[in-house]
Amino acid sequence: MNILLTGANGYIGMRLLPVLVESGHEVTCVVRDKNRFKPAKDLLDKINIIEFDFLHPENAVPCFKNKQFDAAYYLIHSLSDTSNTLKEYELRAAGCFVLVALLTNVKQIIYLSGISNDDKLSNHLTARKVVKDVFIKSGIPYTIFEAGIIVGSGSISFEIIRDLTEKLPVMIVPRWLNSKCQPIAIRNVIYYLQHCVHNEKTYFKTFEIGGPDIFSYKQMLLGLAKVRGYKRYIITFPVLFPGFSVYWLNLTTSANFTIAKQLVHSMKNDVVCKEYAIREIIPQYLFTYEEAIKLAFARIEQNMVVSSWTDSASSSLHRLDVSQYIEVPVNGCFKDKKWIEISTDEIEEVANRFFSIGGEQGWYYADSLWRIRGVFDKLIGGVGLSRGRRSKVDIEAGDTIDFWRVILADKKNHRLLLFAEMKLPGEAWLEFSIINNNNRSILKQTATFRPKGIMGRNYWYSMLPFHYFIFRNMIKRIAGKK
């Protein structure tokens, strides 16, 4: 069966893709930037890739001309757009998707949304409902799944609950953390998405999907603490305002300010299933919340996290073509260049050090200063350091490392290029590479900053004293010369 998979480089898409291929389907992946799409190498020769942005329907005809698909998945959604633009972008992208489906004679649309059966929905859930209405009115057979919190390694909901539970022994929380939710394991979600394809019992229907447990958000925090063996105390305070909660979530978790805002307002709604028809049509074992947490941590501990919500670019990259930054700009830039000679037999060991940078490993020098910079970034609405790494050992282009995005991870040629996603009055890159020069092996470390206006220049000069000590000692430790 010929399947169109949109959002293929997102959290759900990266999990669903290998399942569809293993089921014998021919899959065409649609991504906005091919350079950020890094599926497993054994999948590359089994799939087709189309580079297309659903916010630009004028390009649909040339991109999809003479193509035919039996089913199409719509897994496009953005939490990082502002409340003012979220509905507009969702509506435009969904309309373009319907256009593509009609052009390619799609027989079934499959959409994963959020449970939206409550009154007075948040902007986030309202935007999801708008997309649902577009598909219902399209005339194309549709299968819509609505889920609450999805529990799995790398999911934004799981990572936020994990951040809060692991970092805060005592939490003072707003009263809407007593809102009810019906979490579902990522494995159960993928199973539903896989087995609804051309299942006519699912045509022209919307299904609410959830696991066997119904908890308040407060109970979910305590449930994760129990699994991890933590003792946590949660105090509900009736008059905490949404704005305060947004800043608190932004500061203490991996969610940036915009995502935190969307999630806080969504927490006011109960997201509990009111019907369970899908359980008879596609029966499967539903993991409990506790089982889902244990499965998620098992994947993390084995460094087998297939995808993370951070695989999608942050708002600073929302309109950015990452490929243009493979070569770091030269004109109008400040640079801090360091180099150190290493022996030839140390090349792989040194390269492994810089490919392992960030996350739990840290930055090899002055980690406390890096953490302070991360806290400051959070306070001004940035992503901070809490995103960490997807894996302690693996690294691919498109991954996040704390407040950096991996632009290039070339292990064969020993080159790592990072692009800064922290709040800055300019753009910044950090590059590590090993070169051979006249039978000498040299480790190079280059920090590049392209300022925006006088604020950017002042920022660079104010940071020079810190750069002098941090970058000089960082390259020494990466080279193994403490």
Protein backbone atom coordinates (compact mmCIF):
# COMPACT_ATOMS: atom_id res chain seq x y z
CA MET A 1 0.00 0.00 0.00
CA ASN A 2 1.30 3.47 -0.92
CA ILE A 3 1.23 5.79 2.10
CA LEU A 4 1.93 9.50 2.51
CA LEU A 5 3.43 10.37 5.90
CA THR A 6 3.52 14.06 6.83
CA GLY A 7 5.38 15.28 9.88
CA ALA A 8 7.74 12.36 9.31
CA ASN A 9 10.54 13.92 11.35
CA GLY A 10 8.31 14.67 14.35
CA TYR A 11 7.92 12.70 17.55
CA ILE A 12 5.07 10.46 16.33
CA GLY A 13 6.23 10.32 12.70
CA MET A 14 9.67 8.95 13.55
CA ARG A 15 8.04 6.19 15.63
CA LEU A 16 5.39 5.33 13.07
CA LEU A 17 7.69 5.26 10.02
CA PRO A 18 9.59 2.00 10.75
CA VAL A 19 6.35 0.29 11.76
CA LEU A 20 4.73 1.15 8.42
CA VAL A 21 7.80 0.02 6.46
CA GLU A 22 8.00 -3.26 8.39
CA SER A 23 4.31 -3.83 7.58
CA GLY A 24 5.18 -3.82 3.88
CA HIS A 25 3.87 -0.37 2.94
CA GLU A 26 5.61 1.91 0.48
CA VAL A 27 6.03 5.14 2.43
CA THR A 28 6.61 8.64 1.09
CA CYS A 29 7.76 11.04 3.82
CA VAL A 30 7.02 14.75 3.62
CA VAL A 31 9.39 17.03 5.52
CA ARG A 32 10.08 20.74 5.44
CA ASP A 33 13.85 20.30 5.38
CA LYS A 34 15.57 17.11 4.18
CA ASN A 35 18.72 18.00 6.07
CA ARG A 36 16.92 17.64 9.40
CA PHE A 37 15.30 14.32 8.50
CA LYS A 38 17.53 11.52 9.78
CA PRO A 39 15.73 8.15 9.82
CA ALA A 40 17.65 4.96 10.53
CA LYS A 41 20.08 4.17 7.72
CA ASP A 42 18.38 0.87 6.90
CA LEU A 43 15.17 2.78 6.15
CA LEU A 44 16.61 5.30 3.70
CA ASP A 45 16.58 2.97 0.68
CA LYS A 46 13.03 1.83 1.49
CA ILE A 47 11.28 5.21 1.57
CA ASN A 48 10.72 8.22 -0.65
CA ILE A 49 11.22 11.77 0.59
CA ILE A 50 9.47 14.96 -0.55
CA GLU A 51 10.55 18.38 0.70
CA PHE A 52 7.43 20.51 1.07
CA ASP A 53 5.99 23.13 3.43
CA PHE A 54 2.23 22.85 3.97
CA LEU A 55 2.08 26.56 4.72
CA HIS A 56 2.77 27.16 1.01
CA PRO A 57 -0.06 25.52 -0.97
CA GLU A 58 1.06 27.27 -4.16
CA ASN A 59 3.83 24.63 -4.43
CA ALA A 60 1.52 21.62 -4.04
CA VAL A 61 0.90 20.90 -7.74
CA PRO A 62 4.58 20.73 -8.85
CA CYS A 63 5.56 18.69 -5.76
CA PHE A 64 2.77 16.09 -5.96
CA LYS A 65 1.94 15.99 -9.66
CA ASN A 66 1.33 12.43 -10.99
CA LYS A 67 1.58 10.87 -7.53
CA GLN A 68 -1.01 8.50 -6.04
CA PHE A 69 -1.49 7.45 -2.41
CA ASP A 70 -3.85 4.99 -0.75
CA ALA A 71 -3.73 6.67 2.66
CA ALA A 72 -2.23 9.83 4.14
CA TYR A 73 -1.25 10.61 7.74
CA TYR A 74 -1.54 14.16 9.02
CA LEU A 75 0.92 14.49 11.92
CA ILE A 76 1.64 18.19 11.58
CA HIS A 77 1.15 20.35 14.63
CA SER A 78 3.02 23.21 16.26
CA LEU A 79 3.02 24.12 19.92
CA SER A 80 5.64 26.78 19.31
CA ASP A 81 3.54 29.22 17.32
CA THR A 82 2.00 32.09 19.25
CA SER A 83 -1.65 32.06 20.26
CA ASN A 84 -2.33 34.78 17.69
CA THR A 85 -1.00 32.76 14.78
CA LEU A 86 -1.62 29.16 15.89
CA LYS A 87 -5.15 28.83 14.52
CA GLU A 88 -4.22 30.58 11.26
CA TYR A 89 -1.24 28.30 10.61
CA GLU A 90 -3.16 25.15 11.53
CA LEU A 91 -6.03 26.10 9.21
CA ARG A 92 -3.72 26.90 6.30
CA ALA A 93 -1.66 23.70 6.69
CA ALA A 94 -4.77 21.48 7.01
CA GLY A 95 -6.34 23.08 3.93
CA CYS A 96 -3.17 22.46 1.96
CA PHE A 97 -3.10 18.84 3.13
CA VAL A 98 -6.65 18.32 1.83
CA LEU A 99 -5.57 19.84 -1.49
CA VAL A 100 -2.66 17.38 -1.69
CA ALA A 101 -4.96 14.49 -0.75
CA LEU A 102 -7.35 15.40 -3.59
CA LEU A 103 -4.48 15.83 -6.06
CA THR A 104 -3.09 12.40 -5.22
CA ASN A 105 -6.42 10.55 -5.00
CA VAL A 106 -5.99 9.63 -1.32
CA LYS A 107 -8.56 7.08 -0.11
CA GLN A 108 -8.19 7.72 3.63
CA ILE A 109 -6.96 10.60 5.83
CA ILE A 110 -5.60 9.64 9.27
CA TYR A 111 -5.18 12.40 11.86
CA LEU A 112 -3.86 12.28 15.43
CA SER A 113 -5.36 15.07 17.51
CA GLY A 114 -6.09 15.87 21.14
CA ILE A 115 -9.22 15.10 23.15
CA SER A 116 -11.47 18.14 22.77
CA ASN A 117 -14.80 17.17 24.32
CA ASP A 118 -14.65 19.76 27.12
CA ASP A 119 -16.27 23.22 27.19
CA LYS A 120 -14.24 26.42 26.66
CA LEU A 121 -11.21 24.83 25.05
CA SER A 122 -7.73 26.35 25.18
CA ASN A 123 -6.23 27.92 22.04
CA HIS A 124 -4.11 24.80 21.59
CA LEU A 125 -7.08 22.40 21.68
CA THR A 126 -9.25 24.79 19.66
CA ALA A 127 -6.63 24.77 16.90
CA ARG A 128 -6.70 20.97 16.91
CA LYS A 129 -10.49 21.03 16.60
CA VAL A 130 -10.26 23.44 13.65
CA VAL A 131 -8.09 20.93 11.79
CA LYS A 132 -10.53 18.14 12.60
CA ASP A 133 -13.41 20.18 11.10
CA VAL A 134 -11.41 20.75 7.89
CA PHE A 135 -10.98 17.00 7.40
CA ILE A 136 -14.60 16.20 8.23
CA LYS A 137 -15.77 18.65 5.56
CA SER A 138 -13.27 17.42 2.95
CA GLY A 139 -15.45 14.56 1.70
CA ILE A 140 -12.49 12.17 1.94
CA PRO A 141 -12.88 9.16 4.27
CA TYR A 142 -11.19 10.16 7.52
CA THR A 143 -10.06 8.41 10.69
CA ILE A 144 -9.38 10.78 13.56
CA PHE A 145 -7.81 9.76 16.84
CA GLU A 146 -7.98 12.09 19.83
CA ALA A 147 -5.53 11.42 22.66
CA GLY A 148 -4.75 13.00 25.99
CA ILE A 149 -1.20 12.85 27.35
CA ILE A 150 1.02 10.44 25.42
CA VAL A 151 3.54 8.70 27.69
CA GLY A 152 6.78 7.65 26.05
CA SER A 153 10.48 8.42 26.07
CA GLY A 154 10.95 11.77 24.39
CA SER A 155 7.32 12.95 24.42
CA ILE A 156 6.90 16.53 25.60
CA SER A 157 4.29 15.58 28.20
CA PHE A 158 6.44 12.81 29.65
CA GLU A 159 9.57 14.97 29.71
CA ILE A 160 7.80 17.83 31.50
CA ILE A 161 6.35 15.48 34.14
CA ARG A 162 9.78 13.92 34.52
CA ASP A 163 11.50 17.33 34.85
CA LEU A 164 9.10 18.51 37.54
CA THR A 165 9.26 15.28 39.52
CA GLU A 166 13.03 14.87 39.41
CA LYS A 167 13.92 18.49 40.13
CA LEU A 168 11.39 19.57 42.74
CA PRO A 169 11.00 17.68 46.05
CA VAL A 170 8.23 20.12 47.03
CA MET A 171 5.85 21.62 44.46
CA ILE A 172 3.29 24.38 44.92
CA VAL A 173 0.89 23.92 42.02
CA PRO A 174 -2.24 25.67 40.70
CA ARG A 175 -5.66 24.15 41.34
CA TRP A 176 -6.14 23.08 37.73
CA LEU A 177 -3.55 20.34 38.27
CA ASN A 178 -6.60 18.57 39.68
CA SER A 179 -8.00 18.45 36.13
CA LYS A 180 -8.45 14.89 34.89
CA CYS A 181 -6.44 13.20 32.17
CA GLN A 182 -6.40 9.73 30.63
CA PRO A 183 -2.76 9.04 29.62
CA ILE A 184 -1.94 6.53 26.91
CA ALA A 185 1.34 4.75 26.14
CA ILE A 186 3.09 5.68 22.89
CA ARG A 187 3.08 2.00 21.86
CA ASN A 188 -0.72 1.91 22.03
CA VAL A 189 -0.99 5.09 19.95
CA ILE A 190 1.30 3.70 17.23
CA TYR A 191 -0.68 0.46 17.17
CA TYR A 192 -3.94 2.34 16.55
CA LEU A 193 -2.33 4.44 13.81
CA GLN A 194 -0.88 1.34 12.16
CA HIS A 195 -3.99 -0.84 12.19
CA CYS A 196 -6.57 1.69 11.05
CA VAL A 197 -5.16 1.87 7.52
CA HIS A 198 -7.93 0.89 5.08
CA ASN A 199 -9.98 -0.48 7.95
CA GLU A 200 -13.40 0.59 6.71
CA LYS A 201 -14.85 0.30 10.21
CA THR A 202 -12.82 3.41 11.07
CA TYR A 203 -13.97 5.51 8.07
CA PHE A 204 -15.73 8.83 8.72
CA LYS A 205 -15.24 8.41 12.47
CA THR A 206 -13.52 10.16 15.37
CA PHE A 207 -12.19 7.99 18.19
CA GLU A 208 -11.05 9.06 21.63
CA ILE A 209 -8.10 6.97 22.76
CA GLY A 210 -6.73 6.59 26.28
CA GLY A 211 -5.19 4.04 28.57
CA PRO A 212 -6.92 2.18 31.42
CA ASP A 213 -6.15 4.86 34.06
CA ILE A 214 -7.78 8.23 34.73
CA PHE A 215 -5.68 10.54 36.91
CA SER A 216 -5.36 14.18 37.81
CA TYR A 217 -2.13 15.83 36.69
CA LYS A 218 -1.13 15.92 40.34
CA GLN A 219 -1.61 12.14 40.60
CA MET A 220 0.49 11.66 37.46
CA LEU A 221 3.38 13.57 39.03
CA LEU A 222 3.14 11.45 42.17
CA GLY A 223 2.82 8.30 40.06
CA LEU A 224 6.11 8.98 38.30
CA ALA A 225 7.74 9.77 41.64
CA LYS A 226 6.56 6.41 42.99
CA VAL A 227 8.01 4.50 40.02
CA ARG A 228 11.36 6.30 40.41
CA GLY A 229 11.45 5.90 44.19
CA TYR A 230 11.23 9.61 44.98
CA LYS A 231 9.41 11.17 47.91
CA ARG A 232 7.56 14.23 46.65
CA TYR A 233 5.17 16.70 48.26
CA ILE A 234 2.62 18.62 46.20
CA ILE A 235 0.65 21.54 47.63
CA THR A 236 -2.30 22.88 45.65
CA PHE A 237 -2.65 26.65 45.84
CA PRO A 238 -6.03 28.04 44.65
CA VAL A 239 -4.94 31.47 43.40
CA LEU A 240 -1.83 30.89 41.31
CA PHE A 241 -2.33 32.86 38.09
CA PRO A 242 -1.74 31.32 34.63
CA GLY A 243 1.06 33.79 33.85
CA PHE A 244 3.01 32.73 36.95
CA SER A 245 2.47 29.05 36.08
CA VAL A 246 3.81 29.62 32.56
CA TYR A 247 7.04 31.19 33.85
CA TRP A 248 7.36 28.46 36.48
CA LEU A 249 6.96 25.67 33.90
CA ASN A 250 9.32 27.42 31.50
CA LEU A 251 11.96 27.80 34.19
CA THR A 252 11.83 24.29 35.65
CA THR A 253 11.25 22.11 32.58
CA SER A 254 12.52 21.64 29.02
CA ALA A 255 9.51 23.50 27.55
CA ASN A 256 10.21 26.97 26.15
CA PHE A 257 7.97 29.90 27.06
CA THR A 258 5.52 29.56 24.14
CA ILE A 259 5.08 25.81 24.59
CA ALA A 260 4.67 26.28 28.34
CA LYS A 261 1.95 28.84 27.72
CA GLN A 262 0.02 26.51 25.41
CA LEU A 263 0.28 23.61 27.84
CA VAL A 264 -0.70 25.57 30.96
CA HIS A 265 -3.89 26.83 29.33
CA SER A 266 -4.68 23.30 28.07
CA MET A 267 -4.35 21.89 31.59
CA LYS A 268 -7.57 23.65 32.56
CA ASN A 269 -9.48 21.20 30.37
CA ASP A 270 -10.30 17.62 31.34
CA VAL A 271 -8.97 15.29 28.65
CA VAL A 272 -10.85 12.07 29.38
CA CYS A 273 -12.46 9.70 26.89
CA LYS A 274 -16.25 9.73 26.73
CA GLU A 275 -16.47 6.79 24.33
CA TYR A 276 -14.42 3.63 23.76
CA ALA A 277 -15.64 2.32 20.38
CA ILE A 278 -12.10 1.91 19.05
CA ARG A 279 -11.34 -0.80 21.63
CA GLU A 280 -13.71 -3.18 19.86
CA ILE A 281 -12.61 -2.25 16.33
CA ILE A 282 -8.85 -2.41 17.04
CA PRO A 283 -8.38 -4.46 20.22
CA GLN A 284 -4.99 -4.41 21.94
CA TYR A 285 -3.46 -4.59 25.40
CA LEU A 286 -3.50 -1.10 26.93
CA PHE A 287 -0.52 -0.35 29.14
CA THR A 288 -1.21 1.23 32.52
CA TYR A 289 0.35 4.60 33.32
CA GLU A 290 2.91 2.92 35.58
CA GLU A 291 3.82 0.37 32.90
CA ALA A 292 4.18 3.13 30.30
CA ILE A 293 6.57 5.05 32.57
CA LYS A 294 8.71 1.96 33.15
CA LEU A 295 8.86 1.29 29.41
CA ALA A 296 9.89 4.88 28.75
CA PHE A 297 12.72 4.80 31.27
CA ALA A 298 13.89 1.44 29.94
CA ARG A 299 14.35 3.04 26.51
CA ILE A 300 16.18 6.02 27.99
CA GLU A 301 18.55 3.86 30.04
CA GLN A 302 19.36 1.77 26.96
CA ASN A 303 20.01 4.91 24.85
CA MET A 304 17.26 3.73 22.48
CA VAL A 305 15.09 6.86 22.28
CA VAL A 306 13.93 6.84 18.66
CA SER A 307 12.57 10.38 18.64
CA SER A 308 11.98 13.36 20.87
CA TRP A 309 9.64 16.36 20.73
CA THR A 310 12.80 18.50 20.53
CA ASP A 311 13.57 16.96 17.13
CA SER A 312 11.29 19.66 15.75
CA ALA A 313 13.09 22.99 15.56
CA SER A 314 12.37 25.59 18.20
CA SER A 315 10.73 28.87 17.33
CA SER A 316 14.12 30.38 16.53
CA LEU A 317 14.36 27.95 13.61
CA HIS A 318 10.68 28.09 12.66
CA ARG A 319 11.34 29.75 9.31
CA LEU A 320 14.99 28.75 9.00
CA ASP A 321 16.44 26.58 6.26
CA VAL A 322 19.06 24.72 8.30
CA SER A 323 21.00 23.60 5.22
CA GLN A 324 22.24 27.15 4.60
CA TYR A 325 24.19 26.96 7.85
CA ILE A 326 26.31 23.91 7.00
CA GLU A 327 28.99 26.45 6.07
CA VAL A 328 29.30 28.98 8.87
CA PRO A 329 29.05 32.63 7.72
CA VAL A 330 32.25 34.68 7.61
CA ASN A 331 31.32 38.27 6.83
CA GLY A 332 30.11 40.45 9.68
CA CYS A 333 30.96 37.82 12.30
CA PHE A 334 33.04 37.69 15.47
CA LYS A 335 35.06 34.51 15.97
CA ASP A 336 36.88 32.84 18.83
CA LYS A 337 39.29 30.31 17.35
CA LYS A 338 41.27 27.80 19.36
CA TRP A 339 43.40 24.87 18.23
CA ILE A 340 45.57 22.26 19.89
CA GLU A 341 47.75 19.50 18.48
CA ILE A 342 46.89 15.90 19.33
CA SER A 343 48.59 12.62 18.50
CA THR A 344 47.24 10.58 15.62
CA ASP A 345 46.32 7.63 17.81
CA GLU A 346 44.12 9.93 19.95
CA ILE A 347 41.89 11.13 17.10
CA GLU A 348 38.94 8.81 17.73
CA GLU A 349 39.08 9.28 21.51
CA VAL A 350 39.12 13.09 21.18
CA ALA A 351 36.35 13.06 18.56
CA ASN A 352 34.20 10.91 20.84
CA ARG A 353 34.59 13.52 23.55
CA PHE A 354 33.19 16.38 21.53
CA PHE A 355 30.48 14.18 19.99
CA SER A 356 29.41 13.38 23.59
CA ILE A 357 29.27 17.01 24.73
CA GLY A 358 26.29 18.42 26.63
CA GLY A 359 23.50 16.75 28.57
CA GLU A 360 24.75 14.71 31.52
CA GLN A 361 28.33 14.87 30.21
CA GLY A 362 28.38 18.64 30.51
CA TRP A 363 30.64 21.08 28.65
CA TYR A 364 34.03 19.98 30.00
CA TYR A 365 34.71 23.27 31.78
CA ALA A 366 32.78 25.69 34.01
CA ASP A 367 29.54 23.70 33.94
CA SER A 368 28.16 25.98 36.65
CA LEU A 369 28.50 28.97 34.31
CA TRP A 370 26.75 27.05 31.53
CA ARG A 371 23.92 26.27 33.96
CA ILE A 372 23.65 29.93 34.99
CA ARG A 373 23.45 30.89 31.31
CA GLY A 374 20.70 28.29 30.89
CA VAL A 375 18.70 29.67 33.80
CA PHE A 376 19.04 33.21 32.43
CA ASP A 377 17.88 31.99 29.03
CA LYS A 378 14.81 30.42 30.63
CA LEU A 379 14.00 33.63 32.48
CA ILE A 380 13.84 35.58 29.23
CA GLY A 381 11.74 32.94 27.46
CA GLY A 382 14.43 30.76 25.89
CA VAL A 383 14.87 26.99 25.81
CA GLY A 384 17.52 26.77 28.55
CA LEU A 385 19.76 23.78 29.21
CA SER A 386 17.09 21.34 30.35
CA ARG A 387 16.49 19.76 26.93
CA GLY A 388 19.69 17.75 27.36
CA ARG A 389 20.50 15.14 24.71
CA ARG A 390 18.38 12.50 23.03
CA SER A 391 21.13 9.92 23.59
CA LYS A 392 24.38 9.81 25.52
CA VAL A 393 26.19 8.13 22.64
CA ASP A 394 24.34 8.74 19.38
CA ILE A 395 24.17 12.12 17.68
CA GLU A 396 22.52 13.12 14.41
CA ALA A 397 21.86 16.34 12.54
CA GLY A 398 18.64 17.84 13.90
CA ASP A 399 19.21 16.64 17.48
CA THR A 400 19.21 19.09 20.37
CA ILE A 401 22.07 19.44 22.83
CA ASP A 402 20.90 21.66 25.68
CA PHE A 403 20.31 25.06 24.04
CA TRP A 404 22.08 24.11 20.79
CA ARG A 405 20.80 22.40 17.63
CA VAL A 406 23.04 19.91 15.80
CA ILE A 407 23.52 21.14 12.24
CA LEU A 408 26.17 18.62 11.22
CA ALA A 409 27.49 15.50 12.94
CA ASP A 410 30.06 14.00 10.57
CA LYS A 411 31.81 11.23 12.49
CA LYS A 412 33.71 10.03 9.42
CA ASN A 413 35.41 13.39 8.95
CA HIS A 414 35.39 14.31 12.67
CA ARG A 415 33.28 17.46 12.47
CA LEU A 416 30.49 18.67 14.75
CA LEU A 417 28.60 21.92 14.07
CA LEU A 418 26.06 23.39 16.50
CA PHE A 419 23.66 26.30 16.05
CA ALA A 420 22.49 28.26 19.12
CA GLU A 421 18.77 28.27 19.98
CA MET A 422 19.19 30.36 23.12
CA LYS A 423 17.87 33.93 23.21
CA LEU A 424 20.61 36.08 21.67
CA PRO A 425 20.96 39.49 19.99
CA GLY A 426 22.37 37.64 16.98
CA GLU A 427 23.16 34.14 15.74
CA ALA A 428 25.82 31.80 17.09
CA TRP A 429 27.61 28.64 16.00
CA LEU A 430 30.03 26.33 17.82
CA GLU A 431 32.19 23.98 15.76
CA PHE A 432 34.63 21.20 16.61
CA SER A 433 36.76 19.44 14.01
CA ILE A 434 39.97 17.45 13.64
CA ILE A 435 42.16 18.12 10.63
CA ASN A 436 45.41 16.66 9.38
CA ASN A 437 48.10 19.16 8.39
CA ASN A 438 51.58 18.09 7.32
CA ASN A 439 51.33 14.81 9.25
CA ARG A 440 50.03 16.66 12.30
CA SER A 441 46.56 16.13 13.80
CA ILE A 442 44.92 19.32 15.05
CA LEU A 443 41.76 19.75 17.09
CA LYS A 444 40.02 23.00 16.11
CA GLN A 445 37.31 24.75 18.10
CA THR A 446 35.56 27.79 16.65
CA ALA A 447 32.83 29.92 18.20
CA THR A 448 31.17 32.23 15.68
CA PHE A 449 28.75 35.05 16.47
CA ARG A 450 26.91 37.19 13.93
CA PRO A 451 25.54 40.19 15.89
CA LYS A 452 22.30 42.04 15.25
CA GLY A 453 22.89 45.75 15.73
CA ILE A 454 24.71 47.47 18.56
CA MET A 455 23.09 45.17 21.17
CA GLY A 456 24.72 42.19 19.52
CA ARG A 457 28.13 43.81 19.48
CA ASN A 458 27.85 44.84 23.12
CA TYR A 459 26.84 41.29 24.01
CA TRP A 460 29.91 39.82 22.32
CA TYR A 461 32.34 42.21 24.00
CA SER A 462 30.73 41.70 27.41
CA MET A 463 31.18 37.94 27.08
CA LEU A 464 34.86 38.04 26.03
CA PRO A 465 36.27 37.56 29.57
CA PHE A 466 34.09 34.46 30.05
CA HIS A 467 34.91 33.15 26.58
CA TYR A 468 38.63 33.48 27.26
CA PHE A 469 38.58 31.08 30.21
CA ILE A 470 35.72 28.80 29.09
CA PHE A 471 36.78 28.13 25.50
CA ARG A 472 40.51 27.87 26.30
CA ASN A 473 39.97 25.27 29.02
CA MET A 474 37.17 23.45 27.16
CA ILE A 475 39.40 22.59 24.19
CA LYS A 476 42.17 21.46 26.53
CA ARG A 477 39.89 19.01 28.30
CA ILE A 478 38.40 17.71 25.07
CA ALA A 479 41.96 17.10 23.85
CA GLY A 480 42.70 15.27 27.12
CA LYS A 481 45.26 17.85 28.24
CA LYS A 482 43.92 18.98 31.60
